[in-house]
Amino acid sequence: MLEHAWWVWVLILFIFTFFLGVLAVMGGIGGGVLFTPIVGSFFSFHLDFVRSAGLFVALTGSMVPASWILKRGLANFRLTLPLALIASVGSIVGALIGLIIPTWITQTLLGVVTLFIAALIVFSKRSEFPEVPKPDKISQKLGIYGIYHDPSLNAVFEWWIHRTLPSLFLFFMIGIVAGMLGLGTGWANVPVLNVVMGCPLKIAAGTSKFLMSITDTSAALVYLNSGSVLPLITVPSVLGIMLGSYVGIRLLARVNPKIVRVIIGAILVVAGVKSLLKGFGIWV
């Protein structure tokens, strides 16, 4: 890569992440989930720089709609804060671990997690309004419940959650994986909130975005403090993802999201396999 001018790779990365941003929006997933495994597998940048850039990509994508989500009542503070606290601790621990362990181990783990995420994207089933018979004791003590108005149905729904304790453990583990691999937490937030805890899907999606803006910041600061943030990689990546997301939103109504998710799943499978091969030293 050093035989080319530096600006050539900045331009290539910007164009590449622009298309990732388009795919991410149309597939309904976070840009960081695509950025780290794909760029880490197909570009020759050091994985520490890619992971740190991936966290900033995920962080930027979550902060942009955060205020809009809060105004629309699609995120709940009482639900977000305990999850954000435990996930942030996990992400800091994960980031510290990721900077200590050898790169080949991180590359291998990234391959394994990427293949898991690909399966999750393609095969996961989510419920618009999960059935929660009654709230558990922890959520009752924390006062986690809400009333949600769905404008598409012109109806008001009361919701509460259950399985809070195991979900807190899951969010701690999600934080560790996100911080260690630079994926952000968006790939797992919604499935846990919706399927495990029983949040309505739109509340889960909105809370996930708000949750990411807190959790990913914690891990990103660890990488920033360690000197792993390279502006020549991070800046064009963030700009490319943001511009691609802007275009993707306008294309969203014209495409079938299920087809896009299958395409994304296939791309992640290729990236995951290549990451595994790089981790094992089979593919440089």
C-alpha atoms as a PDB file:
ATOM      1  CA  MET A   1       0.000   0.000   0.000  1.00  0.00           C
ATOM      2  CA  LEU A   2       2.920   2.349   0.606  1.00  0.00           C
ATOM      3  CA  GLU A   3       3.766   2.463  -3.104  1.00  0.00           C
ATOM      4  CA  HIS A   4       0.671   4.609  -3.754  1.00  0.00           C
ATOM      5  CA  ALA A   5       0.083   8.212  -2.708  1.00  0.00           C
ATOM      6  CA  TRP A   6      -1.681   8.537   0.642  1.00  0.00           C
ATOM      7  CA  TRP A   7      -4.654  10.399  -0.832  1.00  0.00           C
ATOM      8  CA  VAL A   8      -5.413   7.479  -3.198  1.00  0.00           C
ATOM      9  CA  TRP A   9      -6.223   5.207  -0.268  1.00  0.00           C
ATOM     10  CA  VAL A  10      -8.205   7.938   1.471  1.00  0.00           C
ATOM     11  CA  LEU A  11     -10.330   8.318  -1.676  1.00  0.00           C
ATOM     12  CA  ILE A  12     -10.747   4.545  -2.083  1.00  0.00           C
ATOM     13  CA  LEU A  13     -11.778   4.217   1.550  1.00  0.00           C
ATOM     14  CA  PHE A  14     -14.279   7.074   1.225  1.00  0.00           C
ATOM     15  CA  ILE A  15     -15.906   5.515  -1.868  1.00  0.00           C
ATOM     16  CA  PHE A  16     -15.933   2.065  -0.272  1.00  0.00           C
ATOM     17  CA  THR A  17     -17.533   3.267   2.956  1.00  0.00           C
ATOM     18  CA  PHE A  18     -20.069   5.308   0.975  1.00  0.00           C
ATOM     19  CA  PHE A  19     -21.443   2.057  -0.475  1.00  0.00           C
ATOM     20  CA  LEU A  20     -21.284   0.434   2.961  1.00  0.00           C
ATOM     21  CA  GLY A  21     -23.421   3.288   4.288  1.00  0.00           C
ATOM     22  CA  VAL A  22     -26.010   2.743   1.567  1.00  0.00           C
ATOM     23  CA  LEU A  23     -26.161  -0.994   2.325  1.00  0.00           C
ATOM     24  CA  ALA A  24     -26.285  -0.462   6.085  1.00  0.00           C
ATOM     25  CA  VAL A  25     -29.367   1.765   5.935  1.00  0.00           C
ATOM     26  CA  MET A  26     -31.218  -0.403   3.425  1.00  0.00           C
ATOM     27  CA  GLY A  27     -30.421  -3.495   5.481  1.00  0.00           C
ATOM     28  CA  GLY A  28     -31.460  -1.862   8.742  1.00  0.00           C
ATOM     29  CA  ILE A  29     -28.131  -2.391  10.538  1.00  0.00           C
ATOM     30  CA  GLY A  30     -25.359  -0.201  11.922  1.00  0.00           C
ATOM     31  CA  GLY A  31     -22.477   0.940   9.742  1.00  0.00           C
ATOM     32  CA  GLY A  32     -19.892  -0.219  12.285  1.00  0.00           C
ATOM     33  CA  VAL A  33     -21.072  -3.811  11.930  1.00  0.00           C
ATOM     34  CA  LEU A  34     -20.138  -3.750   8.252  1.00  0.00           C
ATOM     35  CA  PHE A  35     -17.108  -1.480   8.472  1.00  0.00           C
ATOM     36  CA  THR A  36     -14.799  -3.341  10.844  1.00  0.00           C
ATOM     37  CA  PRO A  37     -15.017  -6.898   9.446  1.00  0.00           C
ATOM     38  CA  ILE A  38     -15.051  -5.859   5.771  1.00  0.00           C
ATOM     39  CA  VAL A  39     -12.365  -3.159   5.911  1.00  0.00           C
ATOM     40  CA  GLY A  40     -10.325  -5.275   8.326  1.00  0.00           C
ATOM     41  CA  SER A  41     -10.456  -8.215   5.914  1.00  0.00           C
ATOM     42  CA  PHE A  42     -10.005  -6.525   2.531  1.00  0.00           C
ATOM     43  CA  PHE A  43      -7.714  -3.578   3.367  1.00  0.00           C
ATOM     44  CA  SER A  44      -4.144  -3.807   4.614  1.00  0.00           C
ATOM     45  CA  PHE A  45      -4.557  -1.318   7.448  1.00  0.00           C
ATOM     46  CA  HIS A  46      -3.514  -2.449  10.913  1.00  0.00           C
ATOM     47  CA  LEU A  47      -6.496  -3.891  12.753  1.00  0.00           C
ATOM     48  CA  ASP A  48      -6.145  -1.469  15.681  1.00  0.00           C
ATOM     49  CA  PHE A  49      -6.727   1.492  13.338  1.00  0.00           C
ATOM     50  CA  VAL A  50      -9.684  -0.277  11.715  1.00  0.00           C
ATOM     51  CA  ARG A  51     -11.310  -1.159  15.043  1.00  0.00           C
ATOM     52  CA  SER A  52     -10.997   2.393  16.364  1.00  0.00           C
ATOM     53  CA  ALA A  53     -12.419   3.825  13.134  1.00  0.00           C
ATOM     54  CA  GLY A  54     -15.249   1.270  13.307  1.00  0.00           C
ATOM     55  CA  LEU A  55     -16.249   2.533  16.745  1.00  0.00           C
ATOM     56  CA  PHE A  56     -16.301   6.144  15.537  1.00  0.00           C
ATOM     57  CA  VAL A  57     -18.364   5.083  12.508  1.00  0.00           C
ATOM     58  CA  ALA A  58     -20.869   3.348  14.798  1.00  0.00           C
ATOM     59  CA  LEU A  59     -20.822   6.274  17.234  1.00  0.00           C
ATOM     60  CA  THR A  60     -21.483   8.868  14.530  1.00  0.00           C
ATOM     61  CA  GLY A  61     -24.317   6.833  13.059  1.00  0.00           C
ATOM     62  CA  SER A  62     -26.007   6.579  16.450  1.00  0.00           C
ATOM     63  CA  MET A  63     -25.586  10.211  17.542  1.00  0.00           C
ATOM     64  CA  VAL A  64     -27.088  11.762  14.408  1.00  0.00           C
ATOM     65  CA  PRO A  65     -30.661  10.492  15.013  1.00  0.00           C
ATOM     66  CA  ALA A  66     -30.450  10.488  18.852  1.00  0.00           C
ATOM     67  CA  SER A  67     -32.278  13.791  19.419  1.00  0.00           C
ATOM     68  CA  TRP A  68     -34.999  12.882  16.902  1.00  0.00           C
ATOM     69  CA  ILE A  69     -35.494   9.514  18.616  1.00  0.00           C
ATOM     70  CA  LEU A  70     -35.906  11.152  22.023  1.00  0.00           C
ATOM     71  CA  LYS A  71     -38.398  13.719  20.704  1.00  0.00           C
ATOM     72  CA  ARG A  72     -40.523  10.943  19.196  1.00  0.00           C
ATOM     73  CA  GLY A  73     -40.501   8.926  22.436  1.00  0.00           C
ATOM     74  CA  LEU A  74     -38.774   5.964  20.805  1.00  0.00           C
ATOM     75  CA  ALA A  75     -36.125   5.674  23.538  1.00  0.00           C
ATOM     76  CA  ASN A  76     -36.694   5.217  27.254  1.00  0.00           C
ATOM     77  CA  PHE A  77     -34.257   6.712  29.790  1.00  0.00           C
ATOM     78  CA  ARG A  78     -35.074   4.264  32.568  1.00  0.00           C
ATOM     79  CA  LEU A  79     -34.449   1.387  30.174  1.00  0.00           C
ATOM     80  CA  THR A  80     -31.342   2.896  28.593  1.00  0.00           C
ATOM     81  CA  LEU A  81     -29.331   4.016  31.626  1.00  0.00           C
ATOM     82  CA  PRO A  82     -28.787   0.693  33.477  1.00  0.00           C
ATOM     83  CA  LEU A  83     -28.065  -1.092  30.194  1.00  0.00           C
ATOM     84  CA  ALA A  84     -25.719   1.689  29.060  1.00  0.00           C
ATOM     85  CA  LEU A  85     -23.849   1.585  32.374  1.00  0.00           C
ATOM     86  CA  ILE A  86     -23.194  -2.152  32.277  1.00  0.00           C
ATOM     87  CA  ALA A  87     -22.466  -2.199  28.528  1.00  0.00           C
ATOM     88  CA  SER A  88     -20.069   0.763  28.842  1.00  0.00           C
ATOM     89  CA  VAL A  89     -18.101  -1.036  31.546  1.00  0.00           C
ATOM     90  CA  GLY A  90     -17.971  -4.075  29.264  1.00  0.00           C
ATOM     91  CA  SER A  91     -16.861  -2.010  26.268  1.00  0.00           C
ATOM     92  CA  ILE A  92     -14.010  -0.415  28.253  1.00  0.00           C
ATOM     93  CA  VAL A  93     -12.872  -3.844  29.448  1.00  0.00           C
ATOM     94  CA  GLY A  94     -13.157  -5.180  25.894  1.00  0.00           C
ATOM     95  CA  ALA A  95     -11.175  -2.281  24.416  1.00  0.00           C
ATOM     96  CA  LEU A  96      -8.384  -2.754  26.964  1.00  0.00           C
ATOM     97  CA  ILE A  97      -8.275  -6.485  26.228  1.00  0.00           C
ATOM     98  CA  GLY A  98      -8.299  -5.855  22.474  1.00  0.00           C
ATOM     99  CA  LEU A  99      -5.255  -3.605  22.721  1.00  0.00           C
ATOM    100  CA  ILE A 100      -3.305  -6.175  24.748  1.00  0.00           C
ATOM    101  CA  ILE A 101      -3.917  -9.504  23.006  1.00  0.00           C
ATOM    102  CA  PRO A 102      -2.024 -10.407  19.794  1.00  0.00           C
ATOM    103  CA  THR A 103      -3.534  -9.192  16.518  1.00  0.00           C
ATOM    104  CA  TRP A 104      -3.969 -12.728  15.133  1.00  0.00           C
ATOM    105  CA  ILE A 105      -6.230 -13.638  18.053  1.00  0.00           C
ATOM    106  CA  THR A 106      -8.317 -10.500  17.522  1.00  0.00           C
ATOM    107  CA  GLN A 107      -8.490 -11.212  13.789  1.00  0.00           C
ATOM    108  CA  THR A 108      -9.664 -14.776  14.449  1.00  0.00           C
ATOM    109  CA  LEU A 109     -12.284 -13.675  16.975  1.00  0.00           C
ATOM    110  CA  LEU A 110     -13.469 -11.028  14.507  1.00  0.00           C
ATOM    111  CA  GLY A 111     -13.970 -13.752  11.904  1.00  0.00           C
ATOM    112  CA  VAL A 112     -15.987 -15.926  14.286  1.00  0.00           C
ATOM    113  CA  VAL A 113     -18.186 -13.051  15.475  1.00  0.00           C
ATOM    114  CA  THR A 114     -18.675 -11.790  11.902  1.00  0.00           C
ATOM    115  CA  LEU A 115     -19.994 -15.191  10.791  1.00  0.00           C
ATOM    116  CA  PHE A 116     -22.329 -15.205  13.812  1.00  0.00           C
ATOM    117  CA  ILE A 117     -23.590 -11.705  12.958  1.00  0.00           C
ATOM    118  CA  ALA A 118     -24.177 -12.771   9.336  1.00  0.00           C
ATOM    119  CA  ALA A 119     -26.390 -15.634  10.547  1.00  0.00           C
ATOM    120  CA  LEU A 120     -28.144 -13.288  12.996  1.00  0.00           C
ATOM    121  CA  ILE A 121     -28.905 -10.752  10.259  1.00  0.00           C
ATOM    122  CA  VAL A 122     -30.285 -13.320   7.817  1.00  0.00           C
ATOM    123  CA  PHE A 123     -32.163 -15.676  10.159  1.00  0.00           C
ATOM    124  CA  SER A 124     -33.187 -13.639  13.224  1.00  0.00           C
ATOM    125  CA  LYS A 125     -36.915 -13.222  13.767  1.00  0.00           C
ATOM    126  CA  ARG A 126     -38.233 -10.189  15.587  1.00  0.00           C
ATOM    127  CA  SER A 127     -41.676  -9.379  16.920  1.00  0.00           C
ATOM    128  CA  GLU A 128     -43.337  -5.992  16.551  1.00  0.00           C
ATOM    129  CA  PHE A 129     -45.065  -6.402  19.929  1.00  0.00           C
ATOM    130  CA  PRO A 130     -43.603  -9.299  21.976  1.00  0.00           C
ATOM    131  CA  GLU A 131     -45.859 -10.896  24.579  1.00  0.00           C
ATOM    132  CA  VAL A 132     -44.639 -10.174  28.117  1.00  0.00           C
ATOM    133  CA  PRO A 133     -47.057 -11.680  30.678  1.00  0.00           C
ATOM    134  CA  LYS A 134     -45.788  -9.496  33.544  1.00  0.00           C
ATOM    135  CA  PRO A 135     -42.732  -7.390  34.407  1.00  0.00           C
ATOM    136  CA  ASP A 136     -40.045  -8.939  36.601  1.00  0.00           C
ATOM    137  CA  LYS A 137     -39.113  -7.598  40.035  1.00  0.00           C
ATOM    138  CA  ILE A 138     -35.932  -5.803  38.917  1.00  0.00           C
ATOM    139  CA  SER A 139     -37.659  -3.846  36.154  1.00  0.00           C
ATOM    140  CA  GLN A 140     -40.464  -2.960  38.565  1.00  0.00           C
ATOM    141  CA  LYS A 141     -38.005  -1.587  41.136  1.00  0.00           C
ATOM    142  CA  LEU A 142     -36.226   0.394  38.421  1.00  0.00           C
ATOM    143  CA  GLY A 143     -39.527   1.668  37.067  1.00  0.00           C
ATOM    144  CA  ILE A 144     -38.876   0.446  33.532  1.00  0.00           C
ATOM    145  CA  TYR A 145     -42.121   0.638  31.598  1.00  0.00           C
ATOM    146  CA  GLY A 146     -43.766   2.975  29.144  1.00  0.00           C
ATOM    147  CA  ILE A 147     -46.638   3.915  26.900  1.00  0.00           C
ATOM    148  CA  TYR A 148     -45.942   3.887  23.192  1.00  0.00           C
ATOM    149  CA  HIS A 149     -48.038   5.562  20.500  1.00  0.00           C
ATOM    150  CA  ASP A 150     -47.708   3.900  17.100  1.00  0.00           C
ATOM    151  CA  PRO A 151     -48.729   6.442  14.436  1.00  0.00           C
ATOM    152  CA  SER A 152     -48.833   3.781  11.720  1.00  0.00           C
ATOM    153  CA  LEU A 153     -51.564   1.938  13.638  1.00  0.00           C
ATOM    154  CA  ASN A 154     -52.971   5.036  15.363  1.00  0.00           C
ATOM    155  CA  ALA A 155     -52.973   3.098  18.625  1.00  0.00           C
ATOM    156  CA  VAL A 156     -51.419   3.373  22.088  1.00  0.00           C
ATOM    157  CA  PHE A 157     -49.638   0.426  23.672  1.00  0.00           C
ATOM    158  CA  GLU A 158     -48.454  -0.048  27.236  1.00  0.00           C
ATOM    159  CA  TRP A 159     -45.231  -2.033  27.514  1.00  0.00           C
ATOM    160  CA  TRP A 160     -42.942  -3.489  30.177  1.00  0.00           C
ATOM    161  CA  ILE A 161     -40.000  -5.877  30.200  1.00  0.00           C
ATOM    162  CA  HIS A 162     -38.863  -9.098  31.810  1.00  0.00           C
ATOM    163  CA  ARG A 163     -35.634 -11.178  32.094  1.00  0.00           C
ATOM    164  CA  THR A 164     -33.765  -8.065  33.229  1.00  0.00           C
ATOM    165  CA  LEU A 165     -30.974  -9.827  35.148  1.00  0.00           C
ATOM    166  CA  PRO A 166     -29.844 -12.170  32.326  1.00  0.00           C
ATOM    167  CA  SER A 167     -30.188  -9.252  29.895  1.00  0.00           C
ATOM    168  CA  LEU A 168     -27.783  -7.155  31.981  1.00  0.00           C
ATOM    169  CA  PHE A 169     -25.237  -9.959  31.713  1.00  0.00           C
ATOM    170  CA  LEU A 170     -25.818 -10.169  27.962  1.00  0.00           C
ATOM    171  CA  PHE A 171     -25.248  -6.427  27.565  1.00  0.00           C
ATOM    172  CA  PHE A 172     -22.018  -6.676  29.539  1.00  0.00           C
ATOM    173  CA  MET A 173     -20.807  -9.385  27.150  1.00  0.00           C
ATOM    174  CA  ILE A 174     -22.006  -7.379  24.135  1.00  0.00           C
ATOM    175  CA  GLY A 175     -19.965  -4.437  25.423  1.00  0.00           C
ATOM    176  CA  ILE A 176     -16.846  -6.592  25.753  1.00  0.00           C
ATOM    177  CA  VAL A 177     -17.188  -7.943  22.210  1.00  0.00           C
ATOM    178  CA  ALA A 178     -17.971  -4.488  20.799  1.00  0.00           C
ATOM    179  CA  GLY A 179     -14.998  -2.843  22.494  1.00  0.00           C
ATOM    180  CA  MET A 180     -12.593  -5.659  21.715  1.00  0.00           C
ATOM    181  CA  LEU A 181     -13.464  -5.929  18.022  1.00  0.00           C
ATOM    182  CA  GLY A 182     -14.558  -2.359  17.234  1.00  0.00           C
ATOM    183  CA  LEU A 183     -17.995  -3.406  16.020  1.00  0.00           C
ATOM    184  CA  GLY A 184     -20.183  -1.140  18.094  1.00  0.00           C
ATOM    185  CA  THR A 185     -23.140  -2.660  19.910  1.00  0.00           C
ATOM    186  CA  GLY A 186     -25.884  -2.172  17.303  1.00  0.00           C
ATOM    187  CA  TRP A 187     -25.628  -5.731  15.956  1.00  0.00           C
ATOM    188  CA  ALA A 188     -26.902  -7.210  19.247  1.00  0.00           C
ATOM    189  CA  ASN A 189     -28.847  -4.466  21.038  1.00  0.00           C
ATOM    190  CA  VAL A 190     -32.119  -4.873  19.170  1.00  0.00           C
ATOM    191  CA  PRO A 191     -32.290  -8.712  19.342  1.00  0.00           C
ATOM    192  CA  VAL A 192     -31.722  -8.664  23.127  1.00  0.00           C
ATOM    193  CA  LEU A 193     -34.103  -5.764  23.759  1.00  0.00           C
ATOM    194  CA  ASN A 194     -36.826  -7.189  21.529  1.00  0.00           C
ATOM    195  CA  VAL A 195     -36.530 -10.980  21.792  1.00  0.00           C
ATOM    196  CA  VAL A 196     -35.100 -11.431  25.299  1.00  0.00           C
ATOM    197  CA  MET A 197     -36.492  -8.450  27.228  1.00  0.00           C
ATOM    198  CA  GLY A 198     -39.751  -8.074  25.305  1.00  0.00           C
ATOM    199  CA  CYS A 199     -39.541  -4.432  24.173  1.00  0.00           C
ATOM    200  CA  PRO A 200     -41.728  -3.403  21.222  1.00  0.00           C
ATOM    201  CA  LEU A 201     -39.572  -3.443  18.103  1.00  0.00           C
ATOM    202  CA  LYS A 202     -39.603   0.315  17.488  1.00  0.00           C
ATOM    203  CA  ILE A 203     -38.779   1.035  21.138  1.00  0.00           C
ATOM    204  CA  ALA A 204     -35.965  -1.523  20.912  1.00  0.00           C
ATOM    205  CA  ALA A 205     -34.575   0.078  17.744  1.00  0.00           C
ATOM    206  CA  GLY A 206     -34.764   3.612  19.161  1.00  0.00           C
ATOM    207  CA  THR A 207     -33.279   2.631  22.519  1.00  0.00           C
ATOM    208  CA  SER A 208     -30.498   0.760  20.702  1.00  0.00           C
ATOM    209  CA  LYS A 209     -29.435   3.915  18.842  1.00  0.00           C
ATOM    210  CA  PHE A 210     -29.422   5.943  22.045  1.00  0.00           C
ATOM    211  CA  LEU A 211     -27.595   3.131  23.854  1.00  0.00           C
ATOM    212  CA  MET A 212     -24.893   3.023  21.176  1.00  0.00           C
ATOM    213  CA  SER A 213     -24.189   6.744  21.533  1.00  0.00           C
ATOM    214  CA  ILE A 214     -23.195   6.085  25.172  1.00  0.00           C
ATOM    215  CA  THR A 215     -21.587   2.651  24.993  1.00  0.00           C
ATOM    216  CA  ASP A 216     -19.488   3.154  21.851  1.00  0.00           C
ATOM    217  CA  THR A 217     -18.135   6.447  23.232  1.00  0.00           C
ATOM    218  CA  SER A 218     -16.589   4.594  26.185  1.00  0.00           C
ATOM    219  CA  ALA A 219     -14.661   2.168  23.988  1.00  0.00           C
ATOM    220  CA  ALA A 220     -13.750   4.846  21.436  1.00  0.00           C
ATOM    221  CA  LEU A 221     -12.117   6.959  24.161  1.00  0.00           C
ATOM    222  CA  VAL A 222      -9.902   4.023  25.155  1.00  0.00           C
ATOM    223  CA  TYR A 223      -8.658   3.668  21.562  1.00  0.00           C
ATOM    224  CA  LEU A 224      -8.243   7.444  21.269  1.00  0.00           C
ATOM    225  CA  ASN A 225      -6.189   7.574  24.470  1.00  0.00           C
ATOM    226  CA  SER A 226      -3.968   4.714  23.253  1.00  0.00           C
ATOM    227  CA  GLY A 227      -3.104   6.545  20.010  1.00  0.00           C
ATOM    228  CA  SER A 228      -4.930   4.009  17.821  1.00  0.00           C
ATOM    229  CA  VAL A 229      -7.143   6.558  16.068  1.00  0.00           C
ATOM    230  CA  LEU A 230      -5.642   7.435  12.681  1.00  0.00           C
ATOM    231  CA  PRO A 231      -7.425  10.446  11.102  1.00  0.00           C
ATOM    232  CA  LEU A 232      -6.522   9.359   7.546  1.00  0.00           C
ATOM    233  CA  ILE A 233      -8.656   6.235   8.119  1.00  0.00           C
ATOM    234  CA  THR A 234     -11.295   7.514  10.543  1.00  0.00           C
ATOM    235  CA  VAL A 235     -12.285  10.790   8.839  1.00  0.00           C
ATOM    236  CA  PRO A 236     -12.987   9.474   5.304  1.00  0.00           C
ATOM    237  CA  SER A 237     -14.718   6.441   6.798  1.00  0.00           C
ATOM    238  CA  VAL A 238     -17.094   8.521   8.915  1.00  0.00           C
ATOM    239  CA  LEU A 239     -17.815  10.926   6.039  1.00  0.00           C
ATOM    240  CA  GLY A 240     -18.366   8.057   3.588  1.00  0.00           C
ATOM    241  CA  ILE A 241     -20.742   6.194   5.900  1.00  0.00           C
ATOM    242  CA  MET A 242     -22.728   9.361   6.677  1.00  0.00           C
ATOM    243  CA  LEU A 243     -23.116  10.329   3.021  1.00  0.00           C
ATOM    244  CA  GLY A 244     -23.982   6.751   2.079  1.00  0.00           C
ATOM    245  CA  SER A 245     -26.592   6.609   4.834  1.00  0.00           C
ATOM    246  CA  TYR A 246     -28.147   9.824   3.528  1.00  0.00           C
ATOM    247  CA  VAL A 247     -28.464   8.272   0.042  1.00  0.00           C
ATOM    248  CA  GLY A 248     -29.584   4.913   1.448  1.00  0.00           C
ATOM    249  CA  ILE A 249     -32.528   6.492   3.269  1.00  0.00           C
ATOM    250  CA  ARG A 250     -33.831   7.822  -0.060  1.00  0.00           C
ATOM    251  CA  LEU A 251     -33.400   4.455  -1.761  1.00  0.00           C
ATOM    252  CA  LEU A 252     -34.993   2.539   1.099  1.00  0.00           C
ATOM    253  CA  ALA A 253     -38.540   2.703  -0.251  1.00  0.00           C
ATOM    254  CA  ARG A 254     -37.472   1.280  -3.631  1.00  0.00           C
ATOM    255  CA  VAL A 255     -35.739  -1.892  -2.474  1.00  0.00           C
ATOM    256  CA  ASN A 256     -36.689  -5.060  -0.632  1.00  0.00           C
ATOM    257  CA  PRO A 257     -34.914  -4.965   2.764  1.00  0.00           C
ATOM    258  CA  LYS A 258     -34.938  -8.776   3.000  1.00  0.00           C
ATOM    259  CA  ILE A 259     -32.951  -9.086  -0.242  1.00  0.00           C
ATOM    260  CA  VAL A 260     -30.495  -6.457   0.969  1.00  0.00           C
ATOM    261  CA  ARG A 261     -30.047  -8.315   4.274  1.00  0.00           C
ATOM    262  CA  VAL A 262     -29.263 -11.528   2.389  1.00  0.00           C
ATOM    263  CA  ILE A 263     -26.677  -9.650   0.298  1.00  0.00           C
ATOM    264  CA  ILE A 264     -25.176  -8.156   3.458  1.00  0.00           C
ATOM    265  CA  GLY A 265     -25.136 -11.588   5.073  1.00  0.00           C
ATOM    266  CA  ALA A 266     -23.277 -13.033   2.086  1.00  0.00           C
ATOM    267  CA  ILE A 267     -20.710 -10.201   2.166  1.00  0.00           C
ATOM    268  CA  LEU A 268     -20.171 -10.721   5.888  1.00  0.00           C
ATOM    269  CA  VAL A 269     -19.702 -14.467   5.385  1.00  0.00           C
ATOM    270  CA  VAL A 270     -16.924 -13.777   2.867  1.00  0.00           C
ATOM    271  CA  ALA A 271     -15.382 -11.173   5.193  1.00  0.00           C
ATOM    272  CA  GLY A 272     -15.666 -13.523   8.177  1.00  0.00           C
ATOM    273  CA  VAL A 273     -13.990 -16.419   6.362  1.00  0.00           C
ATOM    274  CA  LYS A 274     -11.219 -14.133   5.106  1.00  0.00           C
ATOM    275  CA  SER A 275     -10.730 -12.756   8.609  1.00  0.00           C
ATOM    276  CA  LEU A 276     -10.393 -16.295   9.964  1.00  0.00           C
ATOM    277  CA  LEU A 277      -7.856 -17.163   7.274  1.00  0.00           C
ATOM    278  CA  LYS A 278      -5.869 -14.011   8.086  1.00  0.00           C
ATOM    279  CA  GLY A 279      -6.014 -14.878  11.777  1.00  0.00           C
ATOM    280  CA  PHE A 280      -4.665 -18.362  11.101  1.00  0.00           C
ATOM    281  CA  GLY A 281      -1.929 -16.928   8.875  1.00  0.00           C
ATOM    282  CA  ILE A 282      -3.273 -18.656   5.755  1.00  0.00           C
ATOM    283  CA  TRP A 283      -4.182 -15.419   3.960  1.00  0.00           C
ATOM    284  CA  VAL A 284      -2.092 -12.289   4.428  1.00  0.00           C
END
